[in-house]
C-alpha atoms as a PDB file:
ATOM      1  CA  MET A   1      29.712 -13.795  43.107  1.00  0.00           C
ATOM      2  CA  ARG A   2      27.714 -16.605  41.715  1.00  0.00           C
ATOM      3  CA  MET A   3      30.874 -18.818  41.360  1.00  0.00           C
ATOM      4  CA  ASN A   4      31.949 -18.009  44.876  1.00  0.00           C
ATOM      5  CA  SER A   5      28.405 -18.891  46.275  1.00  0.00           C
ATOM      6  CA  THR A   6      28.522 -22.248  44.220  1.00  0.00           C
ATOM      7  CA  ILE A   7      31.971 -22.957  45.645  1.00  0.00           C
ATOM      8  CA  LEU A   8      30.850 -22.181  49.239  1.00  0.00           C
ATOM      9  CA  GLY A   9      27.691 -24.337  48.679  1.00  0.00           C
ATOM     10  CA  LEU A  10      29.794 -27.326  47.503  1.00  0.00           C
ATOM     11  CA  ALA A  11      32.129 -26.923  50.447  1.00  0.00           C
ATOM     12  CA  ALA A  12      29.210 -27.073  52.710  1.00  0.00           C
ATOM     13  CA  VAL A  13      27.787 -30.140  51.076  1.00  0.00           C
ATOM     14  CA  LEU A  14      31.290 -31.820  51.281  1.00  0.00           C
ATOM     15  CA  ALA A  15      31.674 -30.950  54.942  1.00  0.00           C
ATOM     16  CA  LEU A  16      28.241 -32.214  55.785  1.00  0.00           C
ATOM     17  CA  GLY A  17      28.960 -35.364  53.947  1.00  0.00           C
ATOM     18  CA  LEU A  18      32.181 -35.919  55.886  1.00  0.00           C
ATOM     19  CA  VAL A  19      30.525 -35.432  59.211  1.00  0.00           C
ATOM     20  CA  ALA A  20      27.834 -37.957  58.225  1.00  0.00           C
ATOM     21  CA  LEU A  21      30.281 -40.610  57.461  1.00  0.00           C
ATOM     22  CA  PRO A  22      30.172 -43.538  59.902  1.00  0.00           C
ATOM     23  CA  VAL A  23      33.205 -44.106  62.133  1.00  0.00           C
ATOM     24  CA  LEU A  24      34.663 -47.433  61.123  1.00  0.00           C
ATOM     25  CA  ALA A  25      34.728 -49.859  64.103  1.00  0.00           C
ATOM     26  CA  ALA A  26      38.059 -51.365  65.168  1.00  0.00           C
ATOM     27  CA  THR A  27      38.654 -54.939  64.417  1.00  0.00           C
ATOM     28  CA  ALA A  28      41.271 -57.717  65.113  1.00  0.00           C
ATOM     29  CA  ASP A  29      41.648 -61.313  64.079  1.00  0.00           C
ATOM     30  CA  VAL A  30      42.877 -64.432  65.965  1.00  0.00           C
ATOM     31  CA  ASP A  31      43.519 -67.697  63.976  1.00  0.00           C
ATOM     32  CA  ILE A  32      42.850 -71.007  65.519  1.00  0.00           C
ATOM     33  CA  ARG A  33      45.543 -73.417  63.998  1.00  0.00           C
ATOM     34  CA  GLY A  34      47.148 -76.613  65.269  1.00  0.00           C
ATOM     35  CA  GLY A  35      45.282 -76.404  68.566  1.00  0.00           C
ATOM     36  CA  GLU A  36      46.534 -72.826  69.331  1.00  0.00           C
ATOM     37  CA  TYR A  37      45.303 -69.441  69.292  1.00  0.00           C
ATOM     38  CA  ILE A  38      47.412 -67.160  67.101  1.00  0.00           C
ATOM     39  CA  PRO A  39      48.236 -64.691  68.534  1.00  0.00           C
ATOM     40  CA  ALA A  40      47.601 -66.115  72.016  1.00  0.00           C
ATOM     41  CA  SER A  41      47.890 -62.546  73.531  1.00  0.00           C
ATOM     42  CA  LEU A  42      46.057 -59.799  71.748  1.00  0.00           C
ATOM     43  CA  THR A  43      45.985 -56.297  73.055  1.00  0.00           C
ATOM     44  CA  VAL A  44      43.172 -54.045  71.528  1.00  0.00           C
ATOM     45  CA  GLU A  45      41.448 -50.825  72.329  1.00  0.00           C
ATOM     46  CA  GLY A  46      37.877 -50.522  73.714  1.00  0.00           C
ATOM     47  CA  ASN A  47      34.999 -51.184  71.219  1.00  0.00           C
ATOM     48  CA  THR A  48      37.206 -53.459  69.086  1.00  0.00           C
ATOM     49  CA  THR A  49      35.551 -56.502  67.541  1.00  0.00           C
ATOM     50  CA  VAL A  50      37.719 -59.547  67.635  1.00  0.00           C
ATOM     51  CA  THR A  51      37.050 -62.372  65.197  1.00  0.00           C
ATOM     52  CA  TRP A  52      38.247 -65.944  65.682  1.00  0.00           C
ATOM     53  CA  MET A  53      38.577 -68.160  62.701  1.00  0.00           C
ATOM     54  CA  ASN A  54      39.063 -71.928  63.036  1.00  0.00           C
ATOM     55  CA  TYR A  55      41.358 -73.485  60.399  1.00  0.00           C
ATOM     56  CA  ASP A  56      41.574 -76.930  62.176  1.00  0.00           C
ATOM     57  CA  GLU A  57      39.613 -79.898  61.071  1.00  0.00           C
ATOM     58  CA  VAL A  58      38.367 -80.369  64.565  1.00  0.00           C
ATOM     59  CA  SER A  59      36.050 -78.240  66.599  1.00  0.00           C
ATOM     60  CA  HIS A  60      37.119 -75.595  69.124  1.00  0.00           C
ATOM     61  CA  THR A  61      35.460 -73.041  71.402  1.00  0.00           C
ATOM     62  CA  VAL A  62      36.503 -69.612  72.558  1.00  0.00           C
ATOM     63  CA  THR A  63      35.192 -69.567  76.073  1.00  0.00           C
ATOM     64  CA  SER A  64      35.898 -66.655  78.605  1.00  0.00           C
ATOM     65  CA  THR A  65      37.328 -67.828  81.889  1.00  0.00           C
ATOM     66  CA  GLY A  66      35.053 -65.291  83.642  1.00  0.00           C
ATOM     67  CA  GLY A  67      31.880 -66.331  81.602  1.00  0.00           C
ATOM     68  CA  VAL A  68      31.867 -63.098  79.667  1.00  0.00           C
ATOM     69  CA  PHE A  69      31.578 -64.849  76.146  1.00  0.00           C
ATOM     70  CA  ASP A  70      31.283 -68.400  74.792  1.00  0.00           C
ATOM     71  CA  SER A  71      31.340 -69.246  71.196  1.00  0.00           C
ATOM     72  CA  GLY A  72      30.081 -72.827  71.600  1.00  0.00           C
ATOM     73  CA  PRO A  73      31.661 -75.311  69.044  1.00  0.00           C
ATOM     74  CA  ILE A  74      33.402 -73.649  66.129  1.00  0.00           C
ATOM     75  CA  GLU A  75      33.674 -75.960  63.172  1.00  0.00           C
ATOM     76  CA  GLN A  76      36.413 -75.677  60.488  1.00  0.00           C
ATOM     77  CA  ASN A  77      36.309 -72.502  58.478  1.00  0.00           C
ATOM     78  CA  GLU A  78      33.652 -70.979  60.855  1.00  0.00           C
ATOM     79  CA  THR A  79      34.144 -67.718  62.719  1.00  0.00           C
ATOM     80  CA  PHE A  80      33.042 -66.262  66.138  1.00  0.00           C
ATOM     81  CA  ASN A  81      33.332 -62.627  66.944  1.00  0.00           C
ATOM     82  CA  TYR A  82      32.979 -60.575  70.220  1.00  0.00           C
ATOM     83  CA  THR A  83      32.985 -56.786  70.735  1.00  0.00           C
ATOM     84  CA  PHE A  84      34.990 -55.727  73.781  1.00  0.00           C
ATOM     85  CA  SER A  85      33.385 -52.612  75.106  1.00  0.00           C
ATOM     86  CA  ASP A  86      35.039 -52.496  78.672  1.00  0.00           C
ATOM     87  CA  THR A  87      38.687 -52.380  79.439  1.00  0.00           C
ATOM     88  CA  GLY A  88      40.181 -55.219  81.292  1.00  0.00           C
ATOM     89  CA  THR A  89      41.853 -58.566  80.903  1.00  0.00           C
ATOM     90  CA  TYR A  90      39.780 -61.378  79.342  1.00  0.00           C
ATOM     91  CA  PRO A  91      41.530 -64.793  79.511  1.00  0.00           C
ATOM     92  CA  TYR A  92      39.736 -67.610  77.578  1.00  0.00           C
ATOM     93  CA  GLY A  93      40.225 -71.201  76.392  1.00  0.00           C
ATOM     94  CA  CYS A  94      38.867 -74.053  74.589  1.00  0.00           C
ATOM     95  CA  THR A  95      36.455 -76.244  76.497  1.00  0.00           C
ATOM     96  CA  LEU A  96      36.696 -79.071  73.841  1.00  0.00           C
ATOM     97  CA  ASN A  97      40.530 -78.882  73.859  1.00  0.00           C
ATOM     98  CA  ALA A  98      40.250 -81.142  70.557  1.00  0.00           C
ATOM     99  CA  SER A  99      43.824 -81.139  69.809  1.00  0.00           C
ATOM    100  CA  THR A 100      46.864 -83.404  70.317  1.00  0.00           C
ATOM    101  CA  ARG A 101      48.584 -80.788  72.510  1.00  0.00           C
ATOM    102  CA  ARG A 102      49.118 -81.668  76.115  1.00  0.00           C
ATOM    103  CA  THR A 103      48.867 -78.181  77.134  1.00  0.00           C
ATOM    104  CA  PRO A 104      45.275 -76.719  77.255  1.00  0.00           C
ATOM    105  CA  MET A 105      44.390 -74.213  74.613  1.00  0.00           C
ATOM    106  CA  GLN A 106      44.586 -70.677  76.246  1.00  0.00           C
ATOM    107  CA  GLY A 107      44.474 -67.218  75.065  1.00  0.00           C
ATOM    108  CA  VAL A 108      43.857 -63.663  76.475  1.00  0.00           C
ATOM    109  CA  VAL A 109      42.596 -60.368  75.154  1.00  0.00           C
ATOM    110  CA  ILE A 110      43.862 -57.296  76.945  1.00  0.00           C
ATOM    111  CA  VAL A 111      41.521 -54.249  76.436  1.00  0.00           C
ATOM    112  CA  VAL A 112      42.986 -50.834  76.915  1.00  0.00           C
ATOM    113  CA  PRO A 113      41.168 -47.459  76.746  1.00  0.00           C
ATOM    114  CA  GLU A 114      40.472 -45.987  73.333  1.00  0.00           C
ATOM    115  CA  GLY A 115      43.425 -43.815  72.008  1.00  0.00           C
ATOM    116  CA  MET A 116      45.917 -45.635  74.482  1.00  0.00           C
ATOM    117  CA  MET A 117      47.020 -48.529  72.310  1.00  0.00           C
ATOM    118  CA  VAL A 118      50.124 -50.256  73.613  1.00  0.00           C
ATOM    119  CA  GLU A 119      52.923 -50.015  71.075  1.00  0.00           C
ATOM    120  CA  GLU A 120      54.007 -53.314  69.689  1.00  0.00           C
ATOM    121  CA  ASN A 121      57.736 -53.064  70.667  1.00  0.00           C
ATOM    122  CA  GLY A 122      56.502 -52.466  74.285  1.00  0.00           C
ATOM    123  CA  ASN A 123      59.944 -51.294  75.216  1.00  0.00           C
ATOM    124  CA  GLU A 124      59.501 -47.496  74.999  1.00  0.00           C
ATOM    125  CA  THR A 125      57.184 -44.970  76.647  1.00  0.00           C
ATOM    126  CA  GLY A 126      55.358 -42.294  74.687  1.00  0.00           C
ATOM    127  CA  GLU A 127      58.357 -40.046  75.218  1.00  0.00           C
ATOM    128  CA  GLY A 128      60.914 -42.561  73.870  1.00  0.00           C
ATOM    129  CA  GLU A 129      62.354 -43.171  77.265  1.00  0.00           C
ATOM    130  CA  PRO A 130      63.307 -46.824  78.384  1.00  0.00           C
ATOM    131  CA  ALA A 131      60.478 -48.578  80.201  1.00  0.00           C
ATOM    132  CA  ASN A 132      60.885 -50.034  83.629  1.00  0.00           C
ATOM    133  CA  MET A 133      60.556 -53.797  84.307  1.00  0.00           C
ATOM    134  CA  THR A 134      57.165 -55.436  83.984  1.00  0.00           C
ATOM    135  CA  LEU A 135      55.353 -57.280  86.719  1.00  0.00           C
ATOM    136  CA  ALA A 136      56.633 -60.535  85.400  1.00  0.00           C
ATOM    137  CA  ASP A 137      60.214 -59.227  85.271  1.00  0.00           C
ATOM    138  CA  LEU A 138      59.850 -58.098  88.920  1.00  0.00           C
ATOM    139  CA  VAL A 139      58.678 -61.435  90.100  1.00  0.00           C
ATOM    140  CA  ALA A 140      61.222 -63.375  88.158  1.00  0.00           C
ATOM    141  CA  GLY A 141      63.891 -61.265  89.860  1.00  0.00           C
ATOM    142  CA  ASP A 142      62.854 -61.416  93.480  1.00  0.00           C
ATOM    143  CA  ALA A 143      64.661 -63.947  95.543  1.00  0.00           C
ATOM    144  CA  ASN A 144      61.733 -64.443  97.762  1.00  0.00           C
ATOM    145  CA  LEU A 145      59.349 -65.400  95.143  1.00  0.00           C
ATOM    146  CA  THR A 146      61.179 -68.180  93.187  1.00  0.00           C
ATOM    147  CA  SER A 147      58.379 -70.720  93.482  1.00  0.00           C
ATOM    148  CA  PHE A 148      55.702 -68.040  92.379  1.00  0.00           C
ATOM    149  CA  ALA A 149      57.937 -67.137  89.457  1.00  0.00           C
ATOM    150  CA  ASP A 150      58.383 -70.694  88.526  1.00  0.00           C
ATOM    151  CA  ALA A 151      54.525 -71.112  88.636  1.00  0.00           C
ATOM    152  CA  VAL A 152      54.118 -67.942  86.428  1.00  0.00           C
ATOM    153  CA  GLY A 153      56.657 -69.282  83.994  1.00  0.00           C
ATOM    154  CA  GLN A 154      54.972 -72.651  83.705  1.00  0.00           C
ATOM    155  CA  ALA A 155      51.481 -71.365  83.417  1.00  0.00           C
ATOM    156  CA  GLY A 156      52.161 -69.169  80.557  1.00  0.00           C
ATOM    157  CA  LEU A 157      48.873 -67.317  80.366  1.00  0.00           C
ATOM    158  CA  THR A 158      49.517 -65.566  83.752  1.00  0.00           C
ATOM    159  CA  ARG A 159      52.990 -64.574  82.427  1.00  0.00           C
ATOM    160  CA  THR A 160      51.497 -63.014  79.317  1.00  0.00           C
ATOM    161  CA  VAL A 161      48.916 -60.997  81.480  1.00  0.00           C
ATOM    162  CA  LEU A 162      51.594 -59.656  83.781  1.00  0.00           C
ATOM    163  CA  ASN A 163      53.826 -58.851  80.786  1.00  0.00           C
ATOM    164  CA  ALA A 164      51.309 -57.038  78.721  1.00  0.00           C
ATOM    165  CA  GLY A 165      48.401 -56.027  80.774  1.00  0.00           C
ATOM    166  CA  GLY A 166      47.857 -53.617  83.620  1.00  0.00           C
ATOM    167  CA  PRO A 167      47.963 -51.789  85.862  1.00  0.00           C
ATOM    168  CA  TYR A 168      47.497 -54.654  88.322  1.00  0.00           C
ATOM    169  CA  THR A 169      48.129 -55.260  91.888  1.00  0.00           C
ATOM    170  CA  VAL A 170      49.763 -58.721  92.529  1.00  0.00           C
ATOM    171  CA  PHE A 171      49.606 -60.507  95.892  1.00  0.00           C
ATOM    172  CA  ALA A 172      52.547 -62.879  95.469  1.00  0.00           C
ATOM    173  CA  PRO A 173      52.957 -65.768  97.899  1.00  0.00           C
ATOM    174  CA  ASN A 174      56.572 -66.164  99.158  1.00  0.00           C
ATOM    175  CA  ASP A 175      58.432 -69.429  98.907  1.00  0.00           C
ATOM    176  CA  ALA A 176      57.582 -70.309 102.475  1.00  0.00           C
ATOM    177  CA  ALA A 177      53.863 -70.162 101.466  1.00  0.00           C
ATOM    178  CA  PHE A 178      54.391 -72.630  98.641  1.00  0.00           C
ATOM    179  CA  GLU A 179      56.500 -74.912 100.900  1.00  0.00           C
ATOM    180  CA  ALA A 180      53.532 -74.875 103.351  1.00  0.00           C
ATOM    181  CA  LEU A 181      51.430 -76.615 100.773  1.00  0.00           C
ATOM    182  CA  ASP A 182      51.516 -80.412 100.964  1.00  0.00           C
ATOM    183  CA  ASN A 183      53.271 -82.407  98.197  1.00  0.00           C
ATOM    184  CA  GLU A 184      50.045 -83.597  96.792  1.00  0.00           C
ATOM    185  CA  THR A 185      48.727 -80.247  96.275  1.00  0.00           C
ATOM    186  CA  ARG A 186      51.850 -78.908  94.765  1.00  0.00           C
ATOM    187  CA  THR A 187      52.217 -81.747  92.259  1.00  0.00           C
ATOM    188  CA  ALA A 188      48.501 -81.346  91.300  1.00  0.00           C
ATOM    189  CA  LEU A 189      48.893 -77.735  90.636  1.00  0.00           C
ATOM    190  CA  PHE A 190      52.151 -77.905  88.648  1.00  0.00           C
ATOM    191  CA  ASN A 191      50.843 -80.813  86.483  1.00  0.00           C
ATOM    192  CA  ASP A 192      47.705 -78.818  85.477  1.00  0.00           C
ATOM    193  CA  THR A 193      48.470 -75.691  83.483  1.00  0.00           C
ATOM    194  CA  GLU A 194      44.794 -74.556  83.475  1.00  0.00           C
ATOM    195  CA  MET A 195      44.392 -74.998  87.315  1.00  0.00           C
ATOM    196  CA  LEU A 196      47.854 -73.358  87.939  1.00  0.00           C
ATOM    197  CA  ASP A 197      46.720 -70.273  85.831  1.00  0.00           C
ATOM    198  CA  THR A 198      43.496 -70.043  87.918  1.00  0.00           C
ATOM    199  CA  LEU A 199      45.290 -70.183  91.130  1.00  0.00           C
ATOM    200  CA  LEU A 200      47.811 -67.464  90.002  1.00  0.00           C
ATOM    201  CA  MET A 201      45.238 -65.008  88.565  1.00  0.00           C
ATOM    202  CA  HIS A 202      43.279 -65.329  91.848  1.00  0.00           C
ATOM    203  CA  HIS A 203      46.269 -63.401  93.273  1.00  0.00           C
ATOM    204  CA  VAL A 204      45.854 -60.504  90.761  1.00  0.00           C
ATOM    205  CA  VAL A 205      43.454 -57.606  90.845  1.00  0.00           C
ATOM    206  CA  ARG A 206      43.049 -54.697  88.395  1.00  0.00           C
ATOM    207  CA  GLY A 207      44.349 -51.370  89.484  1.00  0.00           C
ATOM    208  CA  ASN A 208      47.301 -49.970  91.350  1.00  0.00           C
ATOM    209  CA  TYR A 209      46.807 -50.451  95.218  1.00  0.00           C
ATOM    210  CA  THR A 210      49.732 -49.368  97.430  1.00  0.00           C
ATOM    211  CA  ALA A 211      49.778 -50.652 100.957  1.00  0.00           C
ATOM    212  CA  GLU A 212      48.727 -47.038 102.088  1.00  0.00           C
ATOM    213  CA  ASP A 213      45.677 -47.243  99.703  1.00  0.00           C
ATOM    214  CA  LEU A 214      44.743 -50.643 101.084  1.00  0.00           C
ATOM    215  CA  MET A 215      45.227 -49.443 104.636  1.00  0.00           C
ATOM    216  CA  GLU A 216      42.986 -46.412 104.159  1.00  0.00           C
ATOM    217  CA  GLU A 217      40.115 -48.289 102.510  1.00  0.00           C
ATOM    218  CA  ALA A 218      40.276 -51.111 104.983  1.00  0.00           C
ATOM    219  CA  ASN A 219      40.217 -48.623 107.920  1.00  0.00           C
ATOM    220  CA  ALA A 220      37.421 -46.632 106.397  1.00  0.00           C
ATOM    221  CA  THR A 221      35.162 -49.618 105.800  1.00  0.00           C
ATOM    222  CA  ASN A 222      36.590 -52.130 108.383  1.00  0.00           C
ATOM    223  CA  GLU A 223      37.023 -54.471 105.367  1.00  0.00           C
ATOM    224  CA  THR A 224      37.284 -53.820 101.674  1.00  0.00           C
ATOM    225  CA  VAL A 225      36.710 -56.230  98.887  1.00  0.00           C
ATOM    226  CA  LEU A 226      38.749 -56.576  95.696  1.00  0.00           C
ATOM    227  CA  GLU A 227      37.850 -58.551  92.639  1.00  0.00           C
ATOM    228  CA  ALA A 228      40.548 -60.972  91.413  1.00  0.00           C
ATOM    229  CA  LEU A 229      41.102 -61.653  87.517  1.00  0.00           C
ATOM    230  CA  THR A 230      39.263 -65.064  88.247  1.00  0.00           C
ATOM    231  CA  GLY A 231      36.147 -62.990  89.302  1.00  0.00           C
ATOM    232  CA  ASP A 232      36.469 -64.046  92.954  1.00  0.00           C
ATOM    233  CA  SER A 233      36.422 -61.746  95.799  1.00  0.00           C
ATOM    234  CA  LEU A 234      39.622 -61.031  98.002  1.00  0.00           C
ATOM    235  CA  ASN A 235      38.758 -59.407 101.407  1.00  0.00           C
ATOM    236  CA  VAL A 236      41.216 -57.005 102.702  1.00  0.00           C
ATOM    237  CA  SER A 237      41.431 -55.949 106.317  1.00  0.00           C
ATOM    238  CA  ALA A 238      43.688 -53.962 108.653  1.00  0.00           C
ATOM    239  CA  ALA A 239      44.479 -54.488 112.332  1.00  0.00           C
ATOM    240  CA  ASP A 240      47.266 -52.843 114.234  1.00  0.00           C
ATOM    241  CA  ASP A 241      48.725 -51.525 111.092  1.00  0.00           C
ATOM    242  CA  VAL A 242      48.931 -55.074 109.682  1.00  0.00           C
ATOM    243  CA  LEU A 243      47.221 -55.737 106.349  1.00  0.00           C
ATOM    244  CA  THR A 244      45.693 -59.089 105.521  1.00  0.00           C
ATOM    245  CA  VAL A 245      44.233 -60.473 102.292  1.00  0.00           C
ATOM    246  CA  GLY A 246      41.898 -63.390 102.907  1.00  0.00           C
ATOM    247  CA  ASN A 247      43.885 -65.590 105.283  1.00  0.00           C
ATOM    248  CA  ALA A 248      47.332 -64.176 104.236  1.00  0.00           C
ATOM    249  CA  THR A 249      49.388 -61.242 105.755  1.00  0.00           C
ATOM    250  CA  LEU A 250      51.489 -58.815 103.773  1.00  0.00           C
ATOM    251  CA  VAL A 251      55.087 -59.282 104.786  1.00  0.00           C
ATOM    252  CA  ALA A 252      56.463 -56.926 102.084  1.00  0.00           C
ATOM    253  CA  SER A 253      54.705 -54.330 100.042  1.00  0.00           C
ATOM    254  CA  ASP A 254      54.924 -51.643  97.246  1.00  0.00           C
ATOM    255  CA  LEU A 255      57.280 -53.284  94.886  1.00  0.00           C
ATOM    256  CA  ALA A 256      56.643 -51.186  91.899  1.00  0.00           C
ATOM    257  CA  ALA A 257      56.797 -52.321  88.196  1.00  0.00           C
ATOM    258  CA  GLU A 258      55.956 -50.462  84.945  1.00  0.00           C
ATOM    259  CA  ASN A 259      52.549 -51.959  84.803  1.00  0.00           C
ATOM    260  CA  GLY A 260      51.548 -52.418  88.371  1.00  0.00           C
ATOM    261  CA  ILE A 261      52.568 -53.128  92.040  1.00  0.00           C
ATOM    262  CA  VAL A 262      53.522 -56.345  94.011  1.00  0.00           C
ATOM    263  CA  HIS A 263      52.844 -57.200  97.507  1.00  0.00           C
ATOM    264  CA  ILE A 264      54.469 -60.170  99.041  1.00  0.00           C
ATOM    265  CA  ILE A 265      52.097 -62.480 101.214  1.00  0.00           C
ATOM    266  CA  ASP A 266      52.731 -65.460 103.504  1.00  0.00           C
ATOM    267  CA  THR A 267      50.110 -67.797 102.411  1.00  0.00           C
ATOM    268  CA  VAL A 268      48.879 -69.051  98.973  1.00  0.00           C
ATOM    269  CA  LEU A 269      45.231 -67.835  98.347  1.00  0.00           C
ATOM    270  CA  VAL A 270      43.104 -70.555  96.795  1.00  0.00           C
ATOM    271  CA  PRO A 271      40.045 -69.889  94.896  1.00  0.00           C
ATOM    272  CA  PRO A 272      36.873 -71.561  96.121  1.00  0.00           C
ATOM    273  CA  ASP A 273      36.332 -75.183  94.879  1.00  0.00           C
ATOM    274  CA  LEU A 274      39.826 -75.264  93.198  1.00  0.00           C
ATOM    275  CA  LEU A 275      41.371 -77.658  95.662  1.00  0.00           C
ATOM    276  CA  PRO A 276      40.058 -79.563  98.584  1.00  0.00           C
ATOM    277  CA  PRO A 277      40.195 -77.385 101.706  1.00  0.00           C
ATOM    278  CA  GLU A 278      42.196 -79.809 103.762  1.00  0.00           C
ATOM    279  CA  ASN A 279      45.064 -79.569 101.299  1.00  0.00           C
ATOM    280  CA  VAL A 280      45.713 -75.927 102.193  1.00  0.00           C
ATOM    281  CA  THR A 281      44.578 -75.808 105.842  1.00  0.00           C
ATOM    282  CA  PRO A 282      47.610 -75.340 108.210  1.00  0.00           C
ATOM    283  CA  ALA A 283      48.055 -78.397 110.402  1.00  0.00           C
ATOM    284  CA  GLU A 284      47.735 -76.208 113.562  1.00  0.00           C
ATOM    285  CA  ASN A 285      44.150 -75.421 112.529  1.00  0.00           C
ATOM    286  CA  VAL A 286      43.133 -79.144 112.104  1.00  0.00           C
ATOM    287  CA  THR A 287      40.717 -80.385 114.899  1.00  0.00           C
ATOM    288  CA  PRO A 288      42.620 -82.561 117.213  1.00  0.00           C
ATOM    289  CA  VAL A 289      41.767 -86.300 116.940  1.00  0.00           C
ATOM    290  CA  GLU A 290      40.813 -86.472 120.670  1.00  0.00           C
ATOM    291  CA  ASN A 291      38.223 -83.886 120.218  1.00  0.00           C
ATOM    292  CA  GLU A 292      36.613 -85.738 117.368  1.00  0.00           C
ATOM    293  CA  THR A 293      36.186 -88.733 119.761  1.00  0.00           C
ATOM    294  CA  ALA A 294      34.838 -86.726 122.545  1.00  0.00           C
ATOM    295  CA  VAL A 295      31.326 -87.625 121.683  1.00  0.00           C
ATOM    296  CA  GLU A 296      31.981 -91.148 123.053  1.00  0.00           C
ATOM    297  CA  ASN A 297      32.460 -89.676 126.479  1.00  0.00           C
ATOM    298  CA  VAL A 298      29.138 -87.829 126.673  1.00  0.00           C
ATOM    299  CA  THR A 299      26.984 -89.350 129.412  1.00  0.00           C
ATOM    300  CA  PRO A 300      23.479 -90.558 128.512  1.00  0.00           C
ATOM    301  CA  GLU A 301      21.955 -88.058 131.067  1.00  0.00           C
ATOM    302  CA  ALA A 302      23.240 -85.080 128.941  1.00  0.00           C
ATOM    303  CA  PRO A 303      20.536 -82.971 127.143  1.00  0.00           C
ATOM    304  CA  ALA A 304      20.313 -83.915 123.418  1.00  0.00           C
ATOM    305  CA  GLU A 305      21.300 -80.441 122.369  1.00  0.00           C
ATOM    306  CA  GLU A 306      24.658 -80.855 124.233  1.00  0.00           C
ATOM    307  CA  GLN A 307      25.230 -84.125 122.799  1.00  0.00           C
ATOM    308  CA  ARG A 308      24.990 -82.589 119.197  1.00  0.00           C
ATOM    309  CA  VAL A 309      27.704 -79.993 119.956  1.00  0.00           C
ATOM    310  CA  ILE A 310      30.333 -82.187 118.557  1.00  0.00           C
ATOM    311  CA  PRO A 311      29.060 -84.094 115.332  1.00  0.00           C
END
């Protein structure tokens, strides 16, 4: 009996000791080498601490596009770490860009819920069944989205997000929408990878929103607001069963991918301050020249407030 009691006591102590052991926090590493983040795309579970190590002789930063984190200058052999508590997509880059690479340094951390880590092969579901196409695949294969697909392919970071992250809802401008941009604007966008990524991610929001979901929310509140991956707001409204996002109209909807859904729109949505407004304003909305000179025809007898109607 004494031996049994002793064994039971030891078992209880061991059990308490096991319960008291701290849970090891998840960690992940990103190397900074040759003006690149390696890996450029990292998928982790929530509450993971990511550590960046700079192996370059020049300084770099790890600066979140949405202002979530900013390392400041990281010198050679120094590190920066950040713990990702919330799920989501966190694009980042180097504000110093101290490298010989023409393409800006860019990376992304994709945070999924704890216990739902994406498998590295990314080609099979939990049941071993083949996965459907990703958002990037869907965009690349749609004949109406060739310009958007070219932009996604050139930007790089957006392609990574649409391949590995999600679920997302993508409002993809059709080819006619890109053709409506003037040549100067198109050239500026496609020659600046960082600006192009910002433009594209302004068209992506977290979550799966079908056209029916958007219609219900818009009808219930007159207008619903979604947050793009850039942190900017997209206003969705409905009138006569027609959905609009900002100044764009949905012309096709509910194109489903494994990690989200695509709606095709007829206008490129431009984030605030990314481009001069006149570069994306349709010609028919520009004030006619004759109206701008109408002030010359105001008679001296007209009240002052009437003369100020037209600046």
